[in-house]
Amino acid sequence: PALPAVWRPRTTRTVAYLTAGVIML
């Protein structure tokens, strides 16, 4: 891959941020 390359999970981020938003709300 071309540099810089960034790898991060998609589902984990989506679930974590949605859950955080629901809990805060």
PDBML (XML) file of the C-alpha atoms, coordinates in Angstrom:
<?xml version="1.0" encoding="UTF-8" ?>
<PDBx:datablock datablockName="MODEL"
   xmlns:PDBx="http://pdbml.pdb.org/schema/pdbx-v50.xsd"
   xmlns:xsi="http://www.w3.org/2001/XMLSchema-instance"
   xsi:schemaLocation="http://pdbml.pdb.org/schema/pdbx-v50.xsd pdbx-v50.xsd">
   <PDBx:atom_siteCategory>
      <PDBx:atom_site id="1">
         <PDBx:B_iso_or_equiv>0.00</PDBx:B_iso_or_equiv>
         <PDBx:Cartn_x>0.000</PDBx:Cartn_x>
         <PDBx:Cartn_y>0.000</PDBx:Cartn_y>
         <PDBx:Cartn_z>0.000</PDBx:Cartn_z>
         <PDBx:auth_asym_id>A</PDBx:auth_asym_id>
         <PDBx:auth_atom_id>CA</PDBx:auth_atom_id>
         <PDBx:auth_comp_id>PRO</PDBx:auth_comp_id>
         <PDBx:auth_seq_id>1</PDBx:auth_seq_id>
         <PDBx:group_PDB>ATOM</PDBx:group_PDB>
         <PDBx:label_alt_id xsi:nil="true" />
         <PDBx:label_asym_id>A</PDBx:label_asym_id>
         <PDBx:label_atom_id>CA</PDBx:label_atom_id>
         <PDBx:label_comp_id>PRO</PDBx:label_comp_id>
         <PDBx:label_entity_id>1</PDBx:label_entity_id>
         <PDBx:label_seq_id>1</PDBx:label_seq_id>
         <PDBx:occupancy>1.00</PDBx:occupancy>
         <PDBx:pdbx_PDB_model_num>1</PDBx:pdbx_PDB_model_num>
         <PDBx:type_symbol>C</PDBx:type_symbol>
      </PDBx:atom_site>
      <PDBx:atom_site id="2">
         <PDBx:B_iso_or_equiv>0.00</PDBx:B_iso_or_equiv>
         <PDBx:Cartn_x>0.966</PDBx:Cartn_x>
         <PDBx:Cartn_y>3.620</PDBx:Cartn_y>
         <PDBx:Cartn_z>-0.512</PDBx:Cartn_z>
         <PDBx:auth_asym_id>A</PDBx:auth_asym_id>
         <PDBx:auth_atom_id>CA</PDBx:auth_atom_id>
         <PDBx:auth_comp_id>ALA</PDBx:auth_comp_id>
         <PDBx:auth_seq_id>2</PDBx:auth_seq_id>
         <PDBx:group_PDB>ATOM</PDBx:group_PDB>
         <PDBx:label_alt_id xsi:nil="true" />
         <PDBx:label_asym_id>A</PDBx:label_asym_id>
         <PDBx:label_atom_id>CA</PDBx:label_atom_id>
         <PDBx:label_comp_id>ALA</PDBx:label_comp_id>
         <PDBx:label_entity_id>1</PDBx:label_entity_id>
         <PDBx:label_seq_id>2</PDBx:label_seq_id>
         <PDBx:occupancy>1.00</PDBx:occupancy>
         <PDBx:pdbx_PDB_model_num>1</PDBx:pdbx_PDB_model_num>
         <PDBx:type_symbol>C</PDBx:type_symbol>
      </PDBx:atom_site>
      <PDBx:atom_site id="3">
         <PDBx:B_iso_or_equiv>0.00</PDBx:B_iso_or_equiv>
         <PDBx:Cartn_x>2.288</PDBx:Cartn_x>
         <PDBx:Cartn_y>5.367</PDBx:Cartn_y>
         <PDBx:Cartn_z>2.551</PDBx:Cartn_z>
         <PDBx:auth_asym_id>A</PDBx:auth_asym_id>
         <PDBx:auth_atom_id>CA</PDBx:auth_atom_id>
         <PDBx:auth_comp_id>LEU</PDBx:auth_comp_id>
         <PDBx:auth_seq_id>3</PDBx:auth_seq_id>
         <PDBx:group_PDB>ATOM</PDBx:group_PDB>
         <PDBx:label_alt_id xsi:nil="true" />
         <PDBx:label_asym_id>A</PDBx:label_asym_id>
         <PDBx:label_atom_id>CA</PDBx:label_atom_id>
         <PDBx:label_comp_id>LEU</PDBx:label_comp_id>
         <PDBx:label_entity_id>1</PDBx:label_entity_id>
         <PDBx:label_seq_id>3</PDBx:label_seq_id>
         <PDBx:occupancy>1.00</PDBx:occupancy>
         <PDBx:pdbx_PDB_model_num>1</PDBx:pdbx_PDB_model_num>
         <PDBx:type_symbol>C</PDBx:type_symbol>
      </PDBx:atom_site>
      <PDBx:atom_site id="4">
         <PDBx:B_iso_or_equiv>0.00</PDBx:B_iso_or_equiv>
         <PDBx:Cartn_x>1.008</PDBx:Cartn_x>
         <PDBx:Cartn_y>6.761</PDBx:Cartn_y>
         <PDBx:Cartn_z>4.790</PDBx:Cartn_z>
         <PDBx:auth_asym_id>A</PDBx:auth_asym_id>
         <PDBx:auth_atom_id>CA</PDBx:auth_atom_id>
         <PDBx:auth_comp_id>PRO</PDBx:auth_comp_id>
         <PDBx:auth_seq_id>4</PDBx:auth_seq_id>
         <PDBx:group_PDB>ATOM</PDBx:group_PDB>
         <PDBx:label_alt_id xsi:nil="true" />
         <PDBx:label_asym_id>A</PDBx:label_asym_id>
         <PDBx:label_atom_id>CA</PDBx:label_atom_id>
         <PDBx:label_comp_id>PRO</PDBx:label_comp_id>
         <PDBx:label_entity_id>1</PDBx:label_entity_id>
         <PDBx:label_seq_id>4</PDBx:label_seq_id>
         <PDBx:occupancy>1.00</PDBx:occupancy>
         <PDBx:pdbx_PDB_model_num>1</PDBx:pdbx_PDB_model_num>
         <PDBx:type_symbol>C</PDBx:type_symbol>
      </PDBx:atom_site>
      <PDBx:atom_site id="5">
         <PDBx:B_iso_or_equiv>0.00</PDBx:B_iso_or_equiv>
         <PDBx:Cartn_x>-1.502</PDBx:Cartn_x>
         <PDBx:Cartn_y>3.962</PDBx:Cartn_y>
         <PDBx:Cartn_z>5.319</PDBx:Cartn_z>
         <PDBx:auth_asym_id>A</PDBx:auth_asym_id>
         <PDBx:auth_atom_id>CA</PDBx:auth_atom_id>
         <PDBx:auth_comp_id>ALA</PDBx:auth_comp_id>
         <PDBx:auth_seq_id>5</PDBx:auth_seq_id>
         <PDBx:group_PDB>ATOM</PDBx:group_PDB>
         <PDBx:label_alt_id xsi:nil="true" />
         <PDBx:label_asym_id>A</PDBx:label_asym_id>
         <PDBx:label_atom_id>CA</PDBx:label_atom_id>
         <PDBx:label_comp_id>ALA</PDBx:label_comp_id>
         <PDBx:label_entity_id>1</PDBx:label_entity_id>
         <PDBx:label_seq_id>5</PDBx:label_seq_id>
         <PDBx:occupancy>1.00</PDBx:occupancy>
         <PDBx:pdbx_PDB_model_num>1</PDBx:pdbx_PDB_model_num>
         <PDBx:type_symbol>C</PDBx:type_symbol>
      </PDBx:atom_site>
      <PDBx:atom_site id="6">
         <PDBx:B_iso_or_equiv>0.00</PDBx:B_iso_or_equiv>
         <PDBx:Cartn_x>-4.097</PDBx:Cartn_x>
         <PDBx:Cartn_y>3.859</PDBx:Cartn_y>
         <PDBx:Cartn_z>8.095</PDBx:Cartn_z>
         <PDBx:auth_asym_id>A</PDBx:auth_asym_id>
         <PDBx:auth_atom_id>CA</PDBx:auth_atom_id>
         <PDBx:auth_comp_id>VAL</PDBx:auth_comp_id>
         <PDBx:auth_seq_id>6</PDBx:auth_seq_id>
         <PDBx:group_PDB>ATOM</PDBx:group_PDB>
         <PDBx:label_alt_id xsi:nil="true" />
         <PDBx:label_asym_id>A</PDBx:label_asym_id>
         <PDBx:label_atom_id>CA</PDBx:label_atom_id>
         <PDBx:label_comp_id>VAL</PDBx:label_comp_id>
         <PDBx:label_entity_id>1</PDBx:label_entity_id>
         <PDBx:label_seq_id>6</PDBx:label_seq_id>
         <PDBx:occupancy>1.00</PDBx:occupancy>
         <PDBx:pdbx_PDB_model_num>1</PDBx:pdbx_PDB_model_num>
         <PDBx:type_symbol>C</PDBx:type_symbol>
      </PDBx:atom_site>
      <PDBx:atom_site id="7">
         <PDBx:B_iso_or_equiv>0.00</PDBx:B_iso_or_equiv>
         <PDBx:Cartn_x>-5.977</PDBx:Cartn_x>
         <PDBx:Cartn_y>0.757</PDBx:Cartn_y>
         <PDBx:Cartn_z>9.203</PDBx:Cartn_z>
         <PDBx:auth_asym_id>A</PDBx:auth_asym_id>
         <PDBx:auth_atom_id>CA</PDBx:auth_atom_id>
         <PDBx:auth_comp_id>TRP</PDBx:auth_comp_id>
         <PDBx:auth_seq_id>7</PDBx:auth_seq_id>
         <PDBx:group_PDB>ATOM</PDBx:group_PDB>
         <PDBx:label_alt_id xsi:nil="true" />
         <PDBx:label_asym_id>A</PDBx:label_asym_id>
         <PDBx:label_atom_id>CA</PDBx:label_atom_id>
         <PDBx:label_comp_id>TRP</PDBx:label_comp_id>
         <PDBx:label_entity_id>1</PDBx:label_entity_id>
         <PDBx:label_seq_id>7</PDBx:label_seq_id>
         <PDBx:occupancy>1.00</PDBx:occupancy>
         <PDBx:pdbx_PDB_model_num>1</PDBx:pdbx_PDB_model_num>
         <PDBx:type_symbol>C</PDBx:type_symbol>
      </PDBx:atom_site>
      <PDBx:atom_site id="8">
         <PDBx:B_iso_or_equiv>0.00</PDBx:B_iso_or_equiv>
         <PDBx:Cartn_x>-8.895</PDBx:Cartn_x>
         <PDBx:Cartn_y>1.020</PDBx:Cartn_y>
         <PDBx:Cartn_z>11.585</PDBx:Cartn_z>
         <PDBx:auth_asym_id>A</PDBx:auth_asym_id>
         <PDBx:auth_atom_id>CA</PDBx:auth_atom_id>
         <PDBx:auth_comp_id>ARG</PDBx:auth_comp_id>
         <PDBx:auth_seq_id>8</PDBx:auth_seq_id>
         <PDBx:group_PDB>ATOM</PDBx:group_PDB>
         <PDBx:label_alt_id xsi:nil="true" />
         <PDBx:label_asym_id>A</PDBx:label_asym_id>
         <PDBx:label_atom_id>CA</PDBx:label_atom_id>
         <PDBx:label_comp_id>ARG</PDBx:label_comp_id>
         <PDBx:label_entity_id>1</PDBx:label_entity_id>
         <PDBx:label_seq_id>8</PDBx:label_seq_id>
         <PDBx:occupancy>1.00</PDBx:occupancy>
         <PDBx:pdbx_PDB_model_num>1</PDBx:pdbx_PDB_model_num>
         <PDBx:type_symbol>C</PDBx:type_symbol>
      </PDBx:atom_site>
      <PDBx:atom_site id="9">
         <PDBx:B_iso_or_equiv>0.00</PDBx:B_iso_or_equiv>
         <PDBx:Cartn_x>-12.019</PDBx:Cartn_x>
         <PDBx:Cartn_y>-1.038</PDBx:Cartn_y>
         <PDBx:Cartn_z>12.255</PDBx:Cartn_z>
         <PDBx:auth_asym_id>A</PDBx:auth_asym_id>
         <PDBx:auth_atom_id>CA</PDBx:auth_atom_id>
         <PDBx:auth_comp_id>PRO</PDBx:auth_comp_id>
         <PDBx:auth_seq_id>9</PDBx:auth_seq_id>
         <PDBx:group_PDB>ATOM</PDBx:group_PDB>
         <PDBx:label_alt_id xsi:nil="true" />
         <PDBx:label_asym_id>A</PDBx:label_asym_id>
         <PDBx:label_atom_id>CA</PDBx:label_atom_id>
         <PDBx:label_comp_id>PRO</PDBx:label_comp_id>
         <PDBx:label_entity_id>1</PDBx:label_entity_id>
         <PDBx:label_seq_id>9</PDBx:label_seq_id>
         <PDBx:occupancy>1.00</PDBx:occupancy>
         <PDBx:pdbx_PDB_model_num>1</PDBx:pdbx_PDB_model_num>
         <PDBx:type_symbol>C</PDBx:type_symbol>
      </PDBx:atom_site>
      <PDBx:atom_site id="10">
         <PDBx:B_iso_or_equiv>0.00</PDBx:B_iso_or_equiv>
         <PDBx:Cartn_x>-15.292</PDBx:Cartn_x>
         <PDBx:Cartn_y>0.223</PDBx:Cartn_y>
         <PDBx:Cartn_z>10.814</PDBx:Cartn_z>
         <PDBx:auth_asym_id>A</PDBx:auth_asym_id>
         <PDBx:auth_atom_id>CA</PDBx:auth_atom_id>
         <PDBx:auth_comp_id>ARG</PDBx:auth_comp_id>
         <PDBx:auth_seq_id>10</PDBx:auth_seq_id>
         <PDBx:group_PDB>ATOM</PDBx:group_PDB>
         <PDBx:label_alt_id xsi:nil="true" />
         <PDBx:label_asym_id>A</PDBx:label_asym_id>
         <PDBx:label_atom_id>CA</PDBx:label_atom_id>
         <PDBx:label_comp_id>ARG</PDBx:label_comp_id>
         <PDBx:label_entity_id>1</PDBx:label_entity_id>
         <PDBx:label_seq_id>10</PDBx:label_seq_id>
         <PDBx:occupancy>1.00</PDBx:occupancy>
         <PDBx:pdbx_PDB_model_num>1</PDBx:pdbx_PDB_model_num>
         <PDBx:type_symbol>C</PDBx:type_symbol>
      </PDBx:atom_site>
      <PDBx:atom_site id="11">
         <PDBx:B_iso_or_equiv>0.00</PDBx:B_iso_or_equiv>
         <PDBx:Cartn_x>-17.938</PDBx:Cartn_x>
         <PDBx:Cartn_y>-1.655</PDBx:Cartn_y>
         <PDBx:Cartn_z>12.771</PDBx:Cartn_z>
         <PDBx:auth_asym_id>A</PDBx:auth_asym_id>
         <PDBx:auth_atom_id>CA</PDBx:auth_atom_id>
         <PDBx:auth_comp_id>THR</PDBx:auth_comp_id>
         <PDBx:auth_seq_id>11</PDBx:auth_seq_id>
         <PDBx:group_PDB>ATOM</PDBx:group_PDB>
         <PDBx:label_alt_id xsi:nil="true" />
         <PDBx:label_asym_id>A</PDBx:label_asym_id>
         <PDBx:label_atom_id>CA</PDBx:label_atom_id>
         <PDBx:label_comp_id>THR</PDBx:label_comp_id>
         <PDBx:label_entity_id>1</PDBx:label_entity_id>
         <PDBx:label_seq_id>11</PDBx:label_seq_id>
         <PDBx:occupancy>1.00</PDBx:occupancy>
         <PDBx:pdbx_PDB_model_num>1</PDBx:pdbx_PDB_model_num>
         <PDBx:type_symbol>C</PDBx:type_symbol>
      </PDBx:atom_site>
      <PDBx:atom_site id="12">
         <PDBx:B_iso_or_equiv>0.00</PDBx:B_iso_or_equiv>
         <PDBx:Cartn_x>-16.273</PDBx:Cartn_x>
         <PDBx:Cartn_y>-1.107</PDBx:Cartn_y>
         <PDBx:Cartn_z>16.140</PDBx:Cartn_z>
         <PDBx:auth_asym_id>A</PDBx:auth_asym_id>
         <PDBx:auth_atom_id>CA</PDBx:auth_atom_id>
         <PDBx:auth_comp_id>THR</PDBx:auth_comp_id>
         <PDBx:auth_seq_id>12</PDBx:auth_seq_id>
         <PDBx:group_PDB>ATOM</PDBx:group_PDB>
         <PDBx:label_alt_id xsi:nil="true" />
         <PDBx:label_asym_id>A</PDBx:label_asym_id>
         <PDBx:label_atom_id>CA</PDBx:label_atom_id>
         <PDBx:label_comp_id>THR</PDBx:label_comp_id>
         <PDBx:label_entity_id>1</PDBx:label_entity_id>
         <PDBx:label_seq_id>12</PDBx:label_seq_id>
         <PDBx:occupancy>1.00</PDBx:occupancy>
         <PDBx:pdbx_PDB_model_num>1</PDBx:pdbx_PDB_model_num>
         <PDBx:type_symbol>C</PDBx:type_symbol>
      </PDBx:atom_site>
      <PDBx:atom_site id="13">
         <PDBx:B_iso_or_equiv>0.00</PDBx:B_iso_or_equiv>
         <PDBx:Cartn_x>-16.109</PDBx:Cartn_x>
         <PDBx:Cartn_y>2.642</PDBx:Cartn_y>
         <PDBx:Cartn_z>15.593</PDBx:Cartn_z>
         <PDBx:auth_asym_id>A</PDBx:auth_asym_id>
         <PDBx:auth_atom_id>CA</PDBx:auth_atom_id>
         <PDBx:auth_comp_id>ARG</PDBx:auth_comp_id>
         <PDBx:auth_seq_id>13</PDBx:auth_seq_id>
         <PDBx:group_PDB>ATOM</PDBx:group_PDB>
         <PDBx:label_alt_id xsi:nil="true" />
         <PDBx:label_asym_id>A</PDBx:label_asym_id>
         <PDBx:label_atom_id>CA</PDBx:label_atom_id>
         <PDBx:label_comp_id>ARG</PDBx:label_comp_id>
         <PDBx:label_entity_id>1</PDBx:label_entity_id>
         <PDBx:label_seq_id>13</PDBx:label_seq_id>
         <PDBx:occupancy>1.00</PDBx:occupancy>
         <PDBx:pdbx_PDB_model_num>1</PDBx:pdbx_PDB_model_num>
         <PDBx:type_symbol>C</PDBx:type_symbol>
      </PDBx:atom_site>
      <PDBx:atom_site id="14">
         <PDBx:B_iso_or_equiv>0.00</PDBx:B_iso_or_equiv>
         <PDBx:Cartn_x>-19.706</PDBx:Cartn_x>
         <PDBx:Cartn_y>2.863</PDBx:Cartn_y>
         <PDBx:Cartn_z>14.405</PDBx:Cartn_z>
         <PDBx:auth_asym_id>A</PDBx:auth_asym_id>
         <PDBx:auth_atom_id>CA</PDBx:auth_atom_id>
         <PDBx:auth_comp_id>THR</PDBx:auth_comp_id>
         <PDBx:auth_seq_id>14</PDBx:auth_seq_id>
         <PDBx:group_PDB>ATOM</PDBx:group_PDB>
         <PDBx:label_alt_id xsi:nil="true" />
         <PDBx:label_asym_id>A</PDBx:label_asym_id>
         <PDBx:label_atom_id>CA</PDBx:label_atom_id>
         <PDBx:label_comp_id>THR</PDBx:label_comp_id>
         <PDBx:label_entity_id>1</PDBx:label_entity_id>
         <PDBx:label_seq_id>14</PDBx:label_seq_id>
         <PDBx:occupancy>1.00</PDBx:occupancy>
         <PDBx:pdbx_PDB_model_num>1</PDBx:pdbx_PDB_model_num>
         <PDBx:type_symbol>C</PDBx:type_symbol>
      </PDBx:atom_site>
      <PDBx:atom_site id="15">
         <PDBx:B_iso_or_equiv>0.00</PDBx:B_iso_or_equiv>
         <PDBx:Cartn_x>-21.072</PDBx:Cartn_x>
         <PDBx:Cartn_y>0.786</PDBx:Cartn_y>
         <PDBx:Cartn_z>17.286</PDBx:Cartn_z>
         <PDBx:auth_asym_id>A</PDBx:auth_asym_id>
         <PDBx:auth_atom_id>CA</PDBx:auth_atom_id>
         <PDBx:auth_comp_id>VAL</PDBx:auth_comp_id>
         <PDBx:auth_seq_id>15</PDBx:auth_seq_id>
         <PDBx:group_PDB>ATOM</PDBx:group_PDB>
         <PDBx:label_alt_id xsi:nil="true" />
         <PDBx:label_asym_id>A</PDBx:label_asym_id>
         <PDBx:label_atom_id>CA</PDBx:label_atom_id>
         <PDBx:label_comp_id>VAL</PDBx:label_comp_id>
         <PDBx:label_entity_id>1</PDBx:label_entity_id>
         <PDBx:label_seq_id>15</PDBx:label_seq_id>
         <PDBx:occupancy>1.00</PDBx:occupancy>
         <PDBx:pdbx_PDB_model_num>1</PDBx:pdbx_PDB_model_num>
         <PDBx:type_symbol>C</PDBx:type_symbol>
      </PDBx:atom_site>
      <PDBx:atom_site id="16">
         <PDBx:B_iso_or_equiv>0.00</PDBx:B_iso_or_equiv>
         <PDBx:Cartn_x>-18.962</PDBx:Cartn_x>
         <PDBx:Cartn_y>2.576</PDBx:Cartn_y>
         <PDBx:Cartn_z>19.906</PDBx:Cartn_z>
         <PDBx:auth_asym_id>A</PDBx:auth_asym_id>
         <PDBx:auth_atom_id>CA</PDBx:auth_atom_id>
         <PDBx:auth_comp_id>ALA</PDBx:auth_comp_id>
         <PDBx:auth_seq_id>16</PDBx:auth_seq_id>
         <PDBx:group_PDB>ATOM</PDBx:group_PDB>
         <PDBx:label_alt_id xsi:nil="true" />
         <PDBx:label_asym_id>A</PDBx:label_asym_id>
         <PDBx:label_atom_id>CA</PDBx:label_atom_id>
         <PDBx:label_comp_id>ALA</PDBx:label_comp_id>
         <PDBx:label_entity_id>1</PDBx:label_entity_id>
         <PDBx:label_seq_id>16</PDBx:label_seq_id>
         <PDBx:occupancy>1.00</PDBx:occupancy>
         <PDBx:pdbx_PDB_model_num>1</PDBx:pdbx_PDB_model_num>
         <PDBx:type_symbol>C</PDBx:type_symbol>
      </PDBx:atom_site>
      <PDBx:atom_site id="17">
         <PDBx:B_iso_or_equiv>0.00</PDBx:B_iso_or_equiv>
         <PDBx:Cartn_x>-19.925</PDBx:Cartn_x>
         <PDBx:Cartn_y>6.084</PDBx:Cartn_y>
         <PDBx:Cartn_z>18.807</PDBx:Cartn_z>
         <PDBx:auth_asym_id>A</PDBx:auth_asym_id>
         <PDBx:auth_atom_id>CA</PDBx:auth_atom_id>
         <PDBx:auth_comp_id>TYR</PDBx:auth_comp_id>
         <PDBx:auth_seq_id>17</PDBx:auth_seq_id>
         <PDBx:group_PDB>ATOM</PDBx:group_PDB>
         <PDBx:label_alt_id xsi:nil="true" />
         <PDBx:label_asym_id>A</PDBx:label_asym_id>
         <PDBx:label_atom_id>CA</PDBx:label_atom_id>
         <PDBx:label_comp_id>TYR</PDBx:label_comp_id>
         <PDBx:label_entity_id>1</PDBx:label_entity_id>
         <PDBx:label_seq_id>17</PDBx:label_seq_id>
         <PDBx:occupancy>1.00</PDBx:occupancy>
         <PDBx:pdbx_PDB_model_num>1</PDBx:pdbx_PDB_model_num>
         <PDBx:type_symbol>C</PDBx:type_symbol>
      </PDBx:atom_site>
      <PDBx:atom_site id="18">
         <PDBx:B_iso_or_equiv>0.00</PDBx:B_iso_or_equiv>
         <PDBx:Cartn_x>-23.609</PDBx:Cartn_x>
         <PDBx:Cartn_y>5.247</PDBx:Cartn_y>
         <PDBx:Cartn_z>18.319</PDBx:Cartn_z>
         <PDBx:auth_asym_id>A</PDBx:auth_asym_id>
         <PDBx:auth_atom_id>CA</PDBx:auth_atom_id>
         <PDBx:auth_comp_id>LEU</PDBx:auth_comp_id>
         <PDBx:auth_seq_id>18</PDBx:auth_seq_id>
         <PDBx:group_PDB>ATOM</PDBx:group_PDB>
         <PDBx:label_alt_id xsi:nil="true" />
         <PDBx:label_asym_id>A</PDBx:label_asym_id>
         <PDBx:label_atom_id>CA</PDBx:label_atom_id>
         <PDBx:label_comp_id>LEU</PDBx:label_comp_id>
         <PDBx:label_entity_id>1</PDBx:label_entity_id>
         <PDBx:label_seq_id>18</PDBx:label_seq_id>
         <PDBx:occupancy>1.00</PDBx:occupancy>
         <PDBx:pdbx_PDB_model_num>1</PDBx:pdbx_PDB_model_num>
         <PDBx:type_symbol>C</PDBx:type_symbol>
      </PDBx:atom_site>
      <PDBx:atom_site id="19">
         <PDBx:B_iso_or_equiv>0.00</PDBx:B_iso_or_equiv>
         <PDBx:Cartn_x>-23.718</PDBx:Cartn_x>
         <PDBx:Cartn_y>3.585</PDBx:Cartn_y>
         <PDBx:Cartn_z>21.740</PDBx:Cartn_z>
         <PDBx:auth_asym_id>A</PDBx:auth_asym_id>
         <PDBx:auth_atom_id>CA</PDBx:auth_atom_id>
         <PDBx:auth_comp_id>THR</PDBx:auth_comp_id>
         <PDBx:auth_seq_id>19</PDBx:auth_seq_id>
         <PDBx:group_PDB>ATOM</PDBx:group_PDB>
         <PDBx:label_alt_id xsi:nil="true" />
         <PDBx:label_asym_id>A</PDBx:label_asym_id>
         <PDBx:label_atom_id>CA</PDBx:label_atom_id>
         <PDBx:label_comp_id>THR</PDBx:label_comp_id>
         <PDBx:label_entity_id>1</PDBx:label_entity_id>
         <PDBx:label_seq_id>19</PDBx:label_seq_id>
         <PDBx:occupancy>1.00</PDBx:occupancy>
         <PDBx:pdbx_PDB_model_num>1</PDBx:pdbx_PDB_model_num>
         <PDBx:type_symbol>C</PDBx:type_symbol>
      </PDBx:atom_site>
      <PDBx:atom_site id="20">
         <PDBx:B_iso_or_equiv>0.00</PDBx:B_iso_or_equiv>
         <PDBx:Cartn_x>-21.963</PDBx:Cartn_x>
         <PDBx:Cartn_y>6.555</PDBx:Cartn_y>
         <PDBx:Cartn_z>23.340</PDBx:Cartn_z>
         <PDBx:auth_asym_id>A</PDBx:auth_asym_id>
         <PDBx:auth_atom_id>CA</PDBx:auth_atom_id>
         <PDBx:auth_comp_id>ALA</PDBx:auth_comp_id>
         <PDBx:auth_seq_id>20</PDBx:auth_seq_id>
         <PDBx:group_PDB>ATOM</PDBx:group_PDB>
         <PDBx:label_alt_id xsi:nil="true" />
         <PDBx:label_asym_id>A</PDBx:label_asym_id>
         <PDBx:label_atom_id>CA</PDBx:label_atom_id>
         <PDBx:label_comp_id>ALA</PDBx:label_comp_id>
         <PDBx:label_entity_id>1</PDBx:label_entity_id>
         <PDBx:label_seq_id>20</PDBx:label_seq_id>
         <PDBx:occupancy>1.00</PDBx:occupancy>
         <PDBx:pdbx_PDB_model_num>1</PDBx:pdbx_PDB_model_num>
         <PDBx:type_symbol>C</PDBx:type_symbol>
      </PDBx:atom_site>
      <PDBx:atom_site id="21">
         <PDBx:B_iso_or_equiv>0.00</PDBx:B_iso_or_equiv>
         <PDBx:Cartn_x>-24.461</PDBx:Cartn_x>
         <PDBx:Cartn_y>8.938</PDBx:Cartn_y>
         <PDBx:Cartn_z>21.736</PDBx:Cartn_z>
         <PDBx:auth_asym_id>A</PDBx:auth_asym_id>
         <PDBx:auth_atom_id>CA</PDBx:auth_atom_id>
         <PDBx:auth_comp_id>GLY</PDBx:auth_comp_id>
         <PDBx:auth_seq_id>21</PDBx:auth_seq_id>
         <PDBx:group_PDB>ATOM</PDBx:group_PDB>
         <PDBx:label_alt_id xsi:nil="true" />
         <PDBx:label_asym_id>A</PDBx:label_asym_id>
         <PDBx:label_atom_id>CA</PDBx:label_atom_id>
         <PDBx:label_comp_id>GLY</PDBx:label_comp_id>
         <PDBx:label_entity_id>1</PDBx:label_entity_id>
         <PDBx:label_seq_id>21</PDBx:label_seq_id>
         <PDBx:occupancy>1.00</PDBx:occupancy>
         <PDBx:pdbx_PDB_model_num>1</PDBx:pdbx_PDB_model_num>
         <PDBx:type_symbol>C</PDBx:type_symbol>
      </PDBx:atom_site>
      <PDBx:atom_site id="22">
         <PDBx:B_iso_or_equiv>0.00</PDBx:B_iso_or_equiv>
         <PDBx:Cartn_x>-27.468</PDBx:Cartn_x>
         <PDBx:Cartn_y>6.896</PDBx:Cartn_y>
         <PDBx:Cartn_z>22.859</PDBx:Cartn_z>
         <PDBx:auth_asym_id>A</PDBx:auth_asym_id>
         <PDBx:auth_atom_id>CA</PDBx:auth_atom_id>
         <PDBx:auth_comp_id>VAL</PDBx:auth_comp_id>
         <PDBx:auth_seq_id>22</PDBx:auth_seq_id>
         <PDBx:group_PDB>ATOM</PDBx:group_PDB>
         <PDBx:label_alt_id xsi:nil="true" />
         <PDBx:label_asym_id>A</PDBx:label_asym_id>
         <PDBx:label_atom_id>CA</PDBx:label_atom_id>
         <PDBx:label_comp_id>VAL</PDBx:label_comp_id>
         <PDBx:label_entity_id>1</PDBx:label_entity_id>
         <PDBx:label_seq_id>22</PDBx:label_seq_id>
         <PDBx:occupancy>1.00</PDBx:occupancy>
         <PDBx:pdbx_PDB_model_num>1</PDBx:pdbx_PDB_model_num>
         <PDBx:type_symbol>C</PDBx:type_symbol>
      </PDBx:atom_site>
      <PDBx:atom_site id="23">
         <PDBx:B_iso_or_equiv>0.00</PDBx:B_iso_or_equiv>
         <PDBx:Cartn_x>-26.125</PDBx:Cartn_x>
         <PDBx:Cartn_y>6.611</PDBx:Cartn_y>
         <PDBx:Cartn_z>26.412</PDBx:Cartn_z>
         <PDBx:auth_asym_id>A</PDBx:auth_asym_id>
         <PDBx:auth_atom_id>CA</PDBx:auth_atom_id>
         <PDBx:auth_comp_id>ILE</PDBx:auth_comp_id>
         <PDBx:auth_seq_id>23</PDBx:auth_seq_id>
         <PDBx:group_PDB>ATOM</PDBx:group_PDB>
         <PDBx:label_alt_id xsi:nil="true" />
         <PDBx:label_asym_id>A</PDBx:label_asym_id>
         <PDBx:label_atom_id>CA</PDBx:label_atom_id>
         <PDBx:label_comp_id>ILE</PDBx:label_comp_id>
         <PDBx:label_entity_id>1</PDBx:label_entity_id>
         <PDBx:label_seq_id>23</PDBx:label_seq_id>
         <PDBx:occupancy>1.00</PDBx:occupancy>
         <PDBx:pdbx_PDB_model_num>1</PDBx:pdbx_PDB_model_num>
         <PDBx:type_symbol>C</PDBx:type_symbol>
      </PDBx:atom_site>
      <PDBx:atom_site id="24">
         <PDBx:B_iso_or_equiv>0.00</PDBx:B_iso_or_equiv>
         <PDBx:Cartn_x>-25.368</PDBx:Cartn_x>
         <PDBx:Cartn_y>10.341</PDBx:Cartn_y>
         <PDBx:Cartn_z>26.641</PDBx:Cartn_z>
         <PDBx:auth_asym_id>A</PDBx:auth_asym_id>
         <PDBx:auth_atom_id>CA</PDBx:auth_atom_id>
         <PDBx:auth_comp_id>MET</PDBx:auth_comp_id>
         <PDBx:auth_seq_id>24</PDBx:auth_seq_id>
         <PDBx:group_PDB>ATOM</PDBx:group_PDB>
         <PDBx:label_alt_id xsi:nil="true" />
         <PDBx:label_asym_id>A</PDBx:label_asym_id>
         <PDBx:label_atom_id>CA</PDBx:label_atom_id>
         <PDBx:label_comp_id>MET</PDBx:label_comp_id>
         <PDBx:label_entity_id>1</PDBx:label_entity_id>
         <PDBx:label_seq_id>24</PDBx:label_seq_id>
         <PDBx:occupancy>1.00</PDBx:occupancy>
         <PDBx:pdbx_PDB_model_num>1</PDBx:pdbx_PDB_model_num>
         <PDBx:type_symbol>C</PDBx:type_symbol>
      </PDBx:atom_site>
      <PDBx:atom_site id="25">
         <PDBx:B_iso_or_equiv>0.00</PDBx:B_iso_or_equiv>
         <PDBx:Cartn_x>-28.731</PDBx:Cartn_x>
         <PDBx:Cartn_y>11.324</PDBx:Cartn_y>
         <PDBx:Cartn_z>25.165</PDBx:Cartn_z>
         <PDBx:auth_asym_id>A</PDBx:auth_asym_id>
         <PDBx:auth_atom_id>CA</PDBx:auth_atom_id>
         <PDBx:auth_comp_id>LEU</PDBx:auth_comp_id>
         <PDBx:auth_seq_id>25</PDBx:auth_seq_id>
         <PDBx:group_PDB>ATOM</PDBx:group_PDB>
         <PDBx:label_alt_id xsi:nil="true" />
         <PDBx:label_asym_id>A</PDBx:label_asym_id>
         <PDBx:label_atom_id>CA</PDBx:label_atom_id>
         <PDBx:label_comp_id>LEU</PDBx:label_comp_id>
         <PDBx:label_entity_id>1</PDBx:label_entity_id>
         <PDBx:label_seq_id>25</PDBx:label_seq_id>
         <PDBx:occupancy>1.00</PDBx:occupancy>
         <PDBx:pdbx_PDB_model_num>1</PDBx:pdbx_PDB_model_num>
         <PDBx:type_symbol>C</PDBx:type_symbol>
      </PDBx:atom_site>
   </PDBx:atom_siteCategory>
</PDBx:datablock>
